[in-house]
Amino acid sequence: MIEDLFGKIYEKFKIHFYRSVFERIQNRELTLTAVETFCIEIIYALDHPTVSEFASYVRISLPNATYKVNSLVKKGYLRKLQSAEDKREFYLEVTEKYMTYYNISSTYMKEVMRRVEERFSREELEVLGKIMRVMDEELMPEVEIKQENR
């Protein structure tokens, strides 16, 4: 039962996001392909990875990752920042253009969370928070991402 409920919630978030993306595509506000969308989302979640770290995480070749990164840079969704320690190394950083796009999904998530906070008691929210923290920190070891700046 819990699995089905969680699946329904996850599906609703995905469908809302995809619908919003399609609206932006039709209005010519978004110039990303589906694969580029997945790539930039992963790069954002990895929080300033190198191209090599991105390639390793998504399990693609370094040349393939470089091609995808260069396309995102050219479209203005990503920039490369040169490492101060090793001038050969570059960190990937999303741009304001991406953050505008990212707000499609985060705005809806924030709205749903606001509704949750209005609907449930403080004690219920503490239990939900505990469950979500355990899911994040212990039950999803296959999806390790650092999220220091968020």
N, C-alpha and C. Protein backbone atom coordinates (compact mmCIF):
# COMPACT_ATOMS: atom_id res chain seq x y z
N MET A 1 0.82 -1.21 0.00
CA MET A 1 0.00 0.00 0.00
C MET A 1 0.87 1.27 0.00
N ILE A 2 1.86 1.31 0.89
CA ILE A 2 2.73 2.48 0.95
C ILE A 2 3.50 2.64 -0.36
N GLU A 3 3.95 1.51 -0.91
CA GLU A 3 4.67 1.57 -2.19
C GLU A 3 3.79 2.16 -3.28
N ASP A 4 2.53 1.74 -3.33
CA ASP A 4 1.61 2.26 -4.33
C ASP A 4 1.37 3.76 -4.13
N LEU A 5 1.19 4.17 -2.90
CA LEU A 5 0.97 5.59 -2.61
C LEU A 5 2.19 6.43 -2.98
N PHE A 6 3.36 5.94 -2.62
CA PHE A 6 4.57 6.69 -2.96
C PHE A 6 4.72 6.76 -4.47
N GLY A 7 4.45 5.67 -5.16
CA GLY A 7 4.51 5.64 -6.62
C GLY A 7 3.57 6.65 -7.25
N LYS A 8 2.35 6.75 -6.71
CA LYS A 8 1.38 7.72 -7.23
C LYS A 8 1.88 9.16 -7.05
N ILE A 9 2.42 9.43 -5.88
CA ILE A 9 2.93 10.78 -5.60
C ILE A 9 4.09 11.09 -6.54
N TYR A 10 5.01 10.16 -6.69
CA TYR A 10 6.16 10.35 -7.58
C TYR A 10 5.68 10.59 -9.01
N GLU A 11 4.71 9.81 -9.47
CA GLU A 11 4.17 9.99 -10.81
C GLU A 11 3.54 11.37 -10.99
N LYS A 12 2.81 11.84 -9.99
CA LYS A 12 2.18 13.15 -10.09
C LYS A 12 3.23 14.26 -10.22
N PHE A 13 4.31 14.17 -9.45
CA PHE A 13 5.39 15.16 -9.56
C PHE A 13 6.01 15.10 -10.95
N LYS A 14 6.29 13.89 -11.45
CA LYS A 14 6.89 13.76 -12.78
C LYS A 14 5.98 14.32 -13.86
N ILE A 15 4.71 13.94 -13.83
CA ILE A 15 3.76 14.37 -14.85
C ILE A 15 3.59 15.89 -14.83
N HIS A 16 3.52 16.47 -13.65
CA HIS A 16 3.42 17.92 -13.54
C HIS A 16 4.64 18.58 -14.17
N PHE A 17 5.81 18.04 -13.87
CA PHE A 17 7.05 18.58 -14.41
C PHE A 17 7.07 18.46 -15.93
N TYR A 18 6.76 17.29 -16.45
CA TYR A 18 6.79 17.08 -17.91
C TYR A 18 5.78 17.99 -18.61
N ARG A 19 4.60 18.13 -18.05
CA ARG A 19 3.60 19.02 -18.65
C ARG A 19 4.12 20.45 -18.70
N SER A 20 4.74 20.89 -17.62
CA SER A 20 5.30 22.25 -17.58
C SER A 20 6.42 22.42 -18.59
N VAL A 21 7.25 21.39 -18.74
CA VAL A 21 8.33 21.45 -19.72
C VAL A 21 7.75 21.56 -21.13
N PHE A 22 6.75 20.74 -21.44
CA PHE A 22 6.14 20.81 -22.77
C PHE A 22 5.51 22.17 -23.04
N GLU A 23 4.90 22.78 -22.03
CA GLU A 23 4.35 24.12 -22.21
C GLU A 23 5.46 25.10 -22.58
N ARG A 24 6.60 24.97 -21.94
CA ARG A 24 7.72 25.87 -22.23
C ARG A 24 8.30 25.62 -23.61
N ILE A 25 8.34 24.35 -24.01
CA ILE A 25 8.83 24.02 -25.35
C ILE A 25 7.92 24.66 -26.40
N GLN A 26 6.62 24.54 -26.20
CA GLN A 26 5.67 25.11 -27.16
C GLN A 26 5.77 26.63 -27.22
N ASN A 27 6.11 27.23 -26.11
CA ASN A 27 6.27 28.69 -26.08
C ASN A 27 7.68 29.12 -26.48
N ARG A 28 8.50 28.15 -26.90
CA ARG A 28 9.88 28.40 -27.34
C ARG A 28 10.76 28.97 -26.23
N GLU A 29 10.40 28.68 -24.97
CA GLU A 29 11.20 29.17 -23.85
C GLU A 29 12.31 28.19 -23.48
N LEU A 30 12.20 26.96 -23.96
CA LEU A 30 13.15 25.92 -23.56
C LEU A 30 13.78 25.32 -24.80
N THR A 31 15.09 25.21 -24.80
CA THR A 31 15.80 24.70 -25.98
C THR A 31 16.54 23.40 -25.68
N LEU A 32 16.16 22.69 -24.64
CA LEU A 32 16.84 21.45 -24.26
C LEU A 32 16.14 20.24 -24.85
N THR A 33 16.94 19.25 -25.27
CA THR A 33 16.38 17.96 -25.65
C THR A 33 16.09 17.19 -24.36
N ALA A 34 15.40 16.07 -24.48
CA ALA A 34 15.10 15.26 -23.30
C ALA A 34 16.39 14.78 -22.62
N VAL A 35 17.34 14.31 -23.41
CA VAL A 35 18.60 13.82 -22.84
C VAL A 35 19.36 14.96 -22.18
N GLU A 36 19.37 16.13 -22.80
CA GLU A 36 20.03 17.28 -22.19
C GLU A 36 19.35 17.67 -20.88
N THR A 37 18.04 17.54 -20.83
CA THR A 37 17.31 17.82 -19.60
C THR A 37 17.77 16.90 -18.49
N PHE A 38 17.88 15.61 -18.79
CA PHE A 38 18.35 14.65 -17.78
C PHE A 38 19.77 14.99 -17.36
N CYS A 39 20.62 15.31 -18.31
CA CYS A 39 22.02 15.63 -18.00
C CYS A 39 22.14 16.83 -17.08
N ILE A 40 21.46 17.91 -17.42
CA ILE A 40 21.59 19.13 -16.61
C ILE A 40 21.01 18.92 -15.22
N GLU A 41 19.94 18.14 -15.11
CA GLU A 41 19.37 17.84 -13.79
C GLU A 41 20.38 17.07 -12.94
N ILE A 42 21.07 16.12 -13.56
CA ILE A 42 22.07 15.34 -12.82
C ILE A 42 23.25 16.22 -12.44
N ILE A 43 23.71 17.04 -13.35
CA ILE A 43 24.83 17.94 -13.05
C ILE A 43 24.47 18.87 -11.89
N TYR A 44 23.25 19.38 -11.90
CA TYR A 44 22.81 20.26 -10.80
C TYR A 44 22.79 19.49 -9.48
N ALA A 45 22.26 18.28 -9.50
CA ALA A 45 22.19 17.47 -8.28
C ALA A 45 23.58 17.11 -7.76
N LEU A 46 24.54 16.89 -8.66
CA LEU A 46 25.90 16.53 -8.25
C LEU A 46 26.67 17.72 -7.68
N ASP A 47 26.17 18.93 -7.88
CA ASP A 47 26.73 20.14 -7.27
C ASP A 47 28.18 20.40 -7.65
N HIS A 48 28.38 20.92 -8.85
CA HIS A 48 29.69 21.32 -9.37
C HIS A 48 30.63 20.14 -9.64
N PRO A 49 30.16 19.12 -10.33
CA PRO A 49 31.07 18.02 -10.65
C PRO A 49 32.03 18.43 -11.77
N THR A 50 33.07 17.65 -11.94
CA THR A 50 33.90 17.78 -13.13
C THR A 50 33.21 16.99 -14.25
N VAL A 51 33.67 17.17 -15.47
CA VAL A 51 33.10 16.39 -16.58
C VAL A 51 33.33 14.91 -16.32
N SER A 52 34.50 14.59 -15.81
CA SER A 52 34.84 13.20 -15.51
C SER A 52 33.91 12.61 -14.43
N GLU A 53 33.62 13.38 -13.39
CA GLU A 53 32.71 12.92 -12.34
C GLU A 53 31.30 12.71 -12.90
N PHE A 54 30.86 13.62 -13.74
CA PHE A 54 29.55 13.48 -14.38
C PHE A 54 29.51 12.22 -15.23
N ALA A 55 30.53 12.02 -16.07
CA ALA A 55 30.60 10.84 -16.94
C ALA A 55 30.57 9.56 -16.11
N SER A 56 31.34 9.54 -15.06
CA SER A 56 31.40 8.36 -14.19
C SER A 56 30.05 8.09 -13.53
N TYR A 57 29.41 9.16 -13.07
CA TYR A 57 28.13 9.00 -12.38
C TYR A 57 27.05 8.43 -13.30
N VAL A 58 26.97 8.93 -14.52
CA VAL A 58 25.93 8.46 -15.45
C VAL A 58 26.39 7.28 -16.29
N ARG A 59 27.65 6.87 -16.06
CA ARG A 59 28.20 5.68 -16.72
C ARG A 59 28.22 5.80 -18.24
N ILE A 60 28.76 6.94 -18.69
CA ILE A 60 28.97 7.14 -20.12
C ILE A 60 30.44 7.47 -20.34
N SER A 61 30.88 7.39 -21.58
CA SER A 61 32.28 7.69 -21.88
C SER A 61 32.57 9.17 -21.66
N LEU A 62 33.83 9.47 -21.41
CA LEU A 62 34.24 10.86 -21.22
C LEU A 62 33.98 11.69 -22.49
N PRO A 63 34.28 11.18 -23.69
CA PRO A 63 33.96 11.97 -24.90
C PRO A 63 32.46 12.25 -25.05
N ASN A 64 31.63 11.27 -24.72
CA ASN A 64 30.18 11.45 -24.79
C ASN A 64 29.73 12.52 -23.78
N ALA A 65 30.26 12.45 -22.57
CA ALA A 65 29.93 13.44 -21.54
C ALA A 65 30.39 14.82 -21.96
N THR A 66 31.59 14.90 -22.52
CA THR A 66 32.12 16.18 -22.98
C THR A 66 31.23 16.79 -24.06
N TYR A 67 30.76 15.97 -24.97
CA TYR A 67 29.87 16.43 -26.03
C TYR A 67 28.59 17.01 -25.43
N LYS A 68 27.99 16.29 -24.47
CA LYS A 68 26.75 16.74 -23.84
C LYS A 68 26.97 18.05 -23.05
N VAL A 69 28.07 18.10 -22.32
CA VAL A 69 28.40 19.30 -21.55
C VAL A 69 28.60 20.50 -22.49
N ASN A 70 29.35 20.31 -23.56
CA ASN A 70 29.60 21.41 -24.49
C ASN A 70 28.31 21.92 -25.12
N SER A 71 27.38 21.02 -25.40
CA SER A 71 26.08 21.44 -25.94
C SER A 71 25.32 22.29 -24.92
N LEU A 72 25.36 21.89 -23.65
CA LEU A 72 24.67 22.65 -22.60
C LEU A 72 25.33 24.01 -22.36
N VAL A 73 26.66 24.06 -22.51
CA VAL A 73 27.38 25.33 -22.39
C VAL A 73 26.97 26.24 -23.55
N LYS A 74 26.96 25.69 -24.75
CA LYS A 74 26.62 26.47 -25.95
C LYS A 74 25.20 27.05 -25.85
N LYS A 75 24.27 26.28 -25.25
CA LYS A 75 22.89 26.74 -25.12
C LYS A 75 22.69 27.67 -23.92
N GLY A 76 23.74 27.83 -23.10
CA GLY A 76 23.66 28.78 -22.00
C GLY A 76 23.10 28.25 -20.69
N TYR A 77 22.99 26.93 -20.56
CA TYR A 77 22.45 26.34 -19.33
C TYR A 77 23.55 25.95 -18.34
N LEU A 78 24.78 25.95 -18.82
CA LEU A 78 25.89 25.44 -18.02
C LEU A 78 27.13 26.26 -18.33
N ARG A 79 28.03 26.38 -17.35
CA ARG A 79 29.33 27.00 -17.60
C ARG A 79 30.40 26.15 -16.91
N LYS A 80 31.61 26.29 -17.44
CA LYS A 80 32.75 25.57 -16.87
C LYS A 80 33.58 26.55 -16.06
N LEU A 81 33.91 26.16 -14.84
CA LEU A 81 34.74 26.99 -13.98
C LEU A 81 36.08 26.31 -13.78
N GLN A 82 37.16 27.00 -14.11
CA GLN A 82 38.49 26.42 -14.00
C GLN A 82 38.89 26.29 -12.53
N SER A 83 39.45 25.15 -12.19
CA SER A 83 39.91 24.90 -10.83
C SER A 83 41.10 25.81 -10.51
N ALA A 84 41.12 26.36 -9.32
CA ALA A 84 42.23 27.20 -8.89
C ALA A 84 43.48 26.36 -8.62
N GLU A 85 43.27 25.11 -8.18
CA GLU A 85 44.39 24.23 -7.84
C GLU A 85 44.99 23.56 -9.08
N ASP A 86 44.14 23.08 -9.97
CA ASP A 86 44.59 22.35 -11.16
C ASP A 86 43.96 22.99 -12.39
N LYS A 87 44.72 23.76 -13.12
CA LYS A 87 44.20 24.52 -14.25
C LYS A 87 43.66 23.63 -15.37
N ARG A 88 43.98 22.34 -15.35
CA ARG A 88 43.46 21.42 -16.36
C ARG A 88 42.04 20.94 -16.02
N GLU A 89 41.61 21.16 -14.81
CA GLU A 89 40.33 20.67 -14.33
C GLU A 89 39.28 21.78 -14.32
N PHE A 90 38.07 21.43 -14.75
CA PHE A 90 36.97 22.38 -14.77
C PHE A 90 35.78 21.81 -14.03
N TYR A 91 35.12 22.67 -13.25
CA TYR A 91 33.90 22.28 -12.54
C TYR A 91 32.70 22.81 -13.32
N LEU A 92 31.63 22.04 -13.30
CA LEU A 92 30.43 22.42 -14.04
C LEU A 92 29.47 23.14 -13.11
N GLU A 93 28.96 24.26 -13.58
CA GLU A 93 28.03 25.06 -12.79
C GLU A 93 26.84 25.45 -13.66
N VAL A 94 25.64 25.24 -13.13
CA VAL A 94 24.45 25.63 -13.88
C VAL A 94 24.32 27.15 -13.86
N THR A 95 23.68 27.68 -14.88
CA THR A 95 23.52 29.13 -15.01
C THR A 95 22.14 29.56 -14.51
N GLU A 96 21.95 30.85 -14.49
CA GLU A 96 20.65 31.41 -14.12
C GLU A 96 19.57 30.94 -15.09
N LYS A 97 19.94 30.78 -16.35
CA LYS A 97 18.99 30.28 -17.35
C LYS A 97 18.46 28.91 -16.94
N TYR A 98 19.35 28.04 -16.43
CA TYR A 98 18.89 26.73 -15.94
C TYR A 98 18.02 26.90 -14.70
N MET A 99 18.42 27.78 -13.79
CA MET A 99 17.67 27.93 -12.54
C MET A 99 16.24 28.40 -12.82
N THR A 100 16.05 29.21 -13.84
CA THR A 100 14.71 29.61 -14.23
C THR A 100 13.92 28.38 -14.66
N TYR A 101 14.56 27.53 -15.44
CA TYR A 101 13.95 26.28 -15.88
C TYR A 101 13.69 25.35 -14.70
N TYR A 102 14.67 25.24 -13.79
CA TYR A 102 14.56 24.35 -12.63
C TYR A 102 13.37 24.73 -11.75
N ASN A 103 13.07 25.99 -11.68
CA ASN A 103 11.96 26.44 -10.84
C ASN A 103 10.62 25.88 -11.28
N ILE A 104 10.54 25.33 -12.51
CA ILE A 104 9.31 24.67 -12.95
C ILE A 104 8.93 23.59 -11.96
N SER A 105 9.89 22.74 -11.62
CA SER A 105 9.59 21.63 -10.72
C SER A 105 9.67 22.03 -9.25
N SER A 106 10.62 22.88 -8.89
CA SER A 106 10.76 23.22 -7.47
C SER A 106 9.61 24.07 -6.97
N THR A 107 9.04 24.90 -7.81
CA THR A 107 7.91 25.72 -7.38
C THR A 107 6.71 24.85 -7.01
N TYR A 108 6.43 23.85 -7.84
CA TYR A 108 5.31 22.96 -7.54
C TYR A 108 5.59 22.13 -6.28
N MET A 109 6.81 21.65 -6.14
CA MET A 109 7.16 20.88 -4.94
C MET A 109 6.98 21.74 -3.69
N LYS A 110 7.42 22.98 -3.76
CA LYS A 110 7.27 23.88 -2.61
C LYS A 110 5.80 24.13 -2.29
N GLU A 111 4.99 24.26 -3.32
CA GLU A 111 3.55 24.46 -3.11
C GLU A 111 2.93 23.24 -2.43
N VAL A 112 3.28 22.06 -2.87
CA VAL A 112 2.75 20.83 -2.26
C VAL A 112 3.23 20.73 -0.80
N MET A 113 4.49 21.06 -0.55
CA MET A 113 5.01 20.99 0.82
C MET A 113 4.34 22.04 1.71
N ARG A 114 4.02 23.19 1.17
CA ARG A 114 3.28 24.20 1.94
C ARG A 114 1.91 23.65 2.34
N ARG A 115 1.25 22.96 1.41
CA ARG A 115 -0.05 22.34 1.70
C ARG A 115 0.08 21.25 2.76
N VAL A 116 1.16 20.48 2.69
CA VAL A 116 1.39 19.43 3.69
C VAL A 116 1.53 20.07 5.07
N GLU A 117 2.30 21.14 5.15
CA GLU A 117 2.51 21.81 6.44
C GLU A 117 1.22 22.40 6.99
N GLU A 118 0.34 22.85 6.11
CA GLU A 118 -0.95 23.38 6.56
C GLU A 118 -1.89 22.26 7.04
N ARG A 119 -1.79 21.12 6.41
CA ARG A 119 -2.74 20.01 6.64
C ARG A 119 -2.42 19.19 7.87
N PHE A 120 -1.11 19.00 8.18
CA PHE A 120 -0.73 18.07 9.24
C PHE A 120 -0.22 18.78 10.48
N SER A 121 -0.33 18.09 11.61
CA SER A 121 0.14 18.65 12.89
C SER A 121 1.67 18.64 12.93
N ARG A 122 2.20 19.37 13.87
CA ARG A 122 3.64 19.45 14.06
C ARG A 122 4.22 18.06 14.31
N GLU A 123 3.54 17.27 15.12
CA GLU A 123 4.01 15.92 15.44
C GLU A 123 4.02 15.03 14.19
N GLU A 124 2.96 15.14 13.38
CA GLU A 124 2.90 14.35 12.15
C GLU A 124 4.01 14.76 11.19
N LEU A 125 4.28 16.05 11.11
CA LEU A 125 5.34 16.55 10.24
C LEU A 125 6.71 16.08 10.72
N GLU A 126 6.90 15.99 12.03
CA GLU A 126 8.17 15.48 12.57
C GLU A 126 8.37 14.02 12.18
N VAL A 127 7.30 13.22 12.24
CA VAL A 127 7.39 11.81 11.84
C VAL A 127 7.69 11.72 10.34
N LEU A 128 6.98 12.51 9.54
CA LEU A 128 7.23 12.51 8.10
C LEU A 128 8.67 12.94 7.81
N GLY A 129 9.13 13.96 8.50
CA GLY A 129 10.51 14.42 8.32
C GLY A 129 11.52 13.34 8.68
N LYS A 130 11.25 12.61 9.75
CA LYS A 130 12.14 11.52 10.16
C LYS A 130 12.17 10.42 9.09
N ILE A 131 11.02 10.05 8.59
CA ILE A 131 10.93 9.02 7.55
C ILE A 131 11.69 9.46 6.30
N MET A 132 11.48 10.69 5.90
CA MET A 132 12.15 11.20 4.69
C MET A 132 13.66 11.28 4.89
N ARG A 133 14.10 11.67 6.08
CA ARG A 133 15.54 11.75 6.37
C ARG A 133 16.18 10.36 6.30
N VAL A 134 15.50 9.35 6.87
CA VAL A 134 16.02 7.97 6.82
C VAL A 134 16.06 7.49 5.37
N MET A 135 15.02 7.78 4.60
CA MET A 135 15.03 7.41 3.18
C MET A 135 16.23 8.02 2.48
N ASP A 136 16.45 9.31 2.71
CA ASP A 136 17.53 10.04 2.07
C ASP A 136 18.91 9.54 2.50
N GLU A 137 19.11 9.37 3.78
CA GLU A 137 20.44 9.09 4.32
C GLU A 137 20.79 7.61 4.38
N GLU A 138 19.78 6.72 4.43
CA GLU A 138 20.08 5.31 4.65
C GLU A 138 19.53 4.36 3.60
N LEU A 139 18.38 4.65 3.03
CA LEU A 139 17.69 3.66 2.22
C LEU A 139 17.92 3.81 0.72
N MET A 140 18.72 4.77 0.33
CA MET A 140 18.99 4.98 -1.10
C MET A 140 20.50 5.10 -1.33
N PRO A 141 21.28 4.11 -0.90
CA PRO A 141 22.74 4.23 -1.03
C PRO A 141 23.23 4.23 -2.48
N GLU A 142 22.41 3.76 -3.41
CA GLU A 142 22.81 3.73 -4.82
C GLU A 142 22.83 5.12 -5.44
N VAL A 143 22.21 6.08 -4.79
CA VAL A 143 22.09 7.43 -5.35
C VAL A 143 22.78 8.41 -4.40
N GLU A 144 24.10 8.36 -4.39
CA GLU A 144 24.88 9.26 -3.55
C GLU A 144 25.11 10.57 -4.28
N ILE A 145 24.62 11.66 -3.72
CA ILE A 145 24.90 12.98 -4.26
C ILE A 145 25.18 13.92 -3.10
N LYS A 146 26.14 14.80 -3.30
CA LYS A 146 26.42 15.79 -2.26
C LYS A 146 25.50 16.97 -2.48
N GLN A 147 24.97 17.50 -1.40
CA GLN A 147 24.06 18.65 -1.52
C GLN A 147 24.40 19.67 -0.45
N GLU A 148 25.63 20.14 -0.52
CA GLU A 148 26.13 21.07 0.50
C GLU A 148 25.51 22.45 0.38
N ASN A 149 25.28 22.91 -0.85
CA ASN A 149 24.88 24.30 -1.07
C ASN A 149 23.39 24.50 -1.18
N ARG A 150 22.59 23.49 -0.92
CA ARG A 150 21.15 23.64 -1.04
C ARG A 150 20.46 23.43 0.25
